[in-house]
Amino acid sequence: MSNLKTFKDILAWQKSHELVLYVYKISNLYPSNETYGLTSQTRRAASSVPANVVEGYKRQNLKDSIRFYNHAEASLEELKYHLLLAKDLQYISKDRYNFINEKTEEVSKILFGWTKSQRNFLNKKS
């Protein structure tokens, strides 16, 4: 982690931030009666992913960092469900869902790899 100058250098943050921007765009398509329901839940879950990466990055203790990366992974899974629900409720098209689902899977793989590398580093230090 020593060659990272800022959280913006973490690929998991970069990709999850891009995902949040897209989620905000597509959630604008949800009906207005979902503003405080599914729209809010979807956006909260999405923005929680990069936010937890940032918080984990700034933790002084690597165990704490990993805990926040795990929170990011859990928020991403929650987001996947909200997006599936939006598709099933026909708030977003299958094509939009397939596109964003590919993006969430990409973020998931990158985030899993990042978390695993941090866990491996911690185990080597122990």
Protein backbone atom coordinates (compact mmCIF):
# COMPACT_ATOMS: atom_id res chain seq x y z
CA MET A 1 0.00 0.00 0.00
CA SER A 2 3.00 2.30 0.37
CA ASN A 3 3.00 3.34 -3.31
CA LEU A 4 -0.56 4.67 -3.00
CA LYS A 5 -0.67 8.42 -2.51
CA THR A 6 -4.45 8.73 -2.19
CA PHE A 7 -7.53 6.53 -2.17
CA LYS A 8 -8.06 7.60 -5.78
CA ASP A 9 -5.09 5.40 -6.71
CA ILE A 10 -6.99 2.25 -5.67
CA LEU A 11 -8.53 0.54 -8.70
CA ALA A 12 -11.40 -0.80 -6.58
CA TRP A 13 -12.28 2.78 -5.63
CA GLN A 14 -11.99 4.02 -9.24
CA LYS A 15 -14.29 1.35 -10.65
CA SER A 16 -16.80 1.56 -7.81
CA HIS A 17 -16.95 5.36 -8.15
CA GLU A 18 -17.71 4.96 -11.87
CA LEU A 19 -20.43 2.50 -10.91
CA VAL A 20 -22.00 5.01 -8.49
CA LEU A 21 -22.16 7.65 -11.21
CA TYR A 22 -23.97 5.22 -13.51
CA VAL A 23 -26.33 4.09 -10.73
CA TYR A 24 -27.34 7.71 -10.12
CA LYS A 25 -28.13 8.12 -13.83
CA ILE A 26 -30.26 5.00 -14.14
CA SER A 27 -32.02 5.47 -10.83
CA ASN A 28 -33.35 8.75 -12.24
CA LEU A 29 -35.51 6.48 -14.41
CA TYR A 30 -37.31 5.04 -11.38
CA PRO A 31 -40.83 6.34 -10.73
CA SER A 32 -41.13 9.40 -8.50
CA ASN A 33 -42.99 7.39 -5.86
CA GLU A 34 -39.73 5.45 -5.30
CA THR A 35 -37.72 8.57 -4.39
CA TYR A 36 -37.60 7.64 -0.71
CA GLY A 37 -37.80 3.91 -1.37
CA LEU A 38 -35.88 1.96 -3.98
CA THR A 39 -34.15 5.01 -5.48
CA SER A 40 -32.72 6.00 -2.11
CA GLN A 41 -31.81 2.42 -1.16
CA THR A 42 -30.07 1.79 -4.49
CA ARG A 43 -28.05 4.99 -4.32
CA ARG A 44 -27.12 4.44 -0.69
CA ALA A 45 -25.89 0.90 -1.38
CA ALA A 46 -23.94 2.07 -4.43
CA SER A 47 -22.24 5.01 -2.72
CA SER A 48 -21.41 2.86 0.28
CA VAL A 49 -19.01 0.76 -1.82
CA PRO A 50 -16.39 3.43 -2.62
CA ALA A 51 -17.03 5.15 0.73
CA ASN A 52 -16.03 1.99 2.59
CA VAL A 53 -12.95 1.58 0.40
CA VAL A 54 -11.93 5.13 1.35
CA GLU A 55 -12.55 4.53 5.03
CA GLY A 56 -10.62 1.27 4.93
CA TYR A 57 -7.72 2.96 3.17
CA LYS A 58 -7.35 5.54 5.95
CA ARG A 59 -7.48 3.08 8.84
CA GLN A 60 -4.17 2.74 10.67
CA ASN A 61 -4.76 -0.93 11.48
CA LEU A 62 -4.82 -3.35 8.55
CA LYS A 63 -7.40 -5.57 10.27
CA ASP A 64 -9.72 -2.56 10.48
CA SER A 65 -9.02 -1.75 6.83
CA ILE A 66 -9.99 -5.25 5.77
CA ARG A 67 -13.21 -5.01 7.78
CA PHE A 68 -14.21 -1.92 5.78
CA TYR A 69 -13.31 -3.62 2.49
CA ASN A 70 -15.62 -6.45 3.55
CA HIS A 71 -18.36 -3.86 4.21
CA ALA A 72 -17.79 -2.56 0.68
CA GLU A 73 -18.25 -6.08 -0.69
CA ALA A 74 -21.47 -6.51 1.30
CA SER A 75 -22.82 -3.17 0.05
CA LEU A 76 -22.06 -4.24 -3.50
CA GLU A 77 -24.11 -7.41 -3.01
CA GLU A 78 -26.96 -5.32 -1.64
CA LEU A 79 -26.72 -3.09 -4.71
CA LYS A 80 -26.92 -6.13 -6.99
CA TYR A 81 -30.23 -7.06 -5.38
CA HIS A 82 -31.67 -3.55 -5.67
CA LEU A 83 -30.77 -3.47 -9.36
CA LEU A 84 -32.35 -6.88 -9.94
CA LEU A 85 -35.49 -5.67 -8.21
CA ALA A 86 -35.55 -2.53 -10.37
CA LYS A 87 -35.34 -4.71 -13.48
CA ASP A 88 -38.05 -7.07 -12.25
CA LEU A 89 -40.30 -4.10 -11.47
CA GLN A 90 -39.54 -2.86 -15.00
CA TYR A 91 -38.00 0.39 -13.78
CA ILE A 92 -34.97 -0.34 -15.96
CA SER A 93 -34.73 -2.33 -19.18
CA LYS A 94 -33.06 -5.73 -19.42
CA ASP A 95 -30.31 -4.16 -21.54
CA ARG A 96 -29.54 -1.51 -18.92
CA TYR A 97 -29.65 -4.16 -16.21
CA ASN A 98 -27.29 -6.45 -18.14
CA PHE A 99 -24.88 -3.56 -18.69
CA ILE A 100 -24.83 -2.49 -15.06
CA ASN A 101 -24.72 -6.09 -13.87
CA GLU A 102 -21.50 -6.55 -15.88
CA LYS A 103 -20.11 -3.45 -14.17
CA THR A 104 -21.05 -4.70 -10.71
CA GLU A 105 -19.40 -8.06 -11.44
CA GLU A 106 -16.25 -6.26 -12.59
CA VAL A 107 -16.17 -4.21 -9.39
CA SER A 108 -16.85 -7.34 -7.36
CA LYS A 109 -13.84 -9.16 -8.82
CA ILE A 110 -11.54 -6.17 -8.38
CA LEU A 111 -12.73 -5.52 -4.83
CA PHE A 112 -12.39 -9.19 -3.90
CA GLY A 113 -8.83 -9.19 -5.27
CA TRP A 114 -7.96 -6.02 -3.37
CA THR A 115 -9.36 -7.39 -0.12
CA LYS A 116 -7.60 -10.72 -0.63
CA SER A 117 -4.25 -9.00 -1.28
CA GLN A 118 -4.62 -6.97 1.91
CA ARG A 119 -5.52 -10.10 3.87
CA ASN A 120 -2.50 -11.94 2.43
CA PHE A 121 -0.26 -9.02 3.38
CA LEU A 122 -1.64 -9.10 6.92
CA ASN A 123 -1.06 -12.86 7.18
CA LYS A 124 2.57 -12.46 6.05
CA LYS A 125 3.13 -9.83 8.75
CA SER A 126 1.74 -12.12 11.45
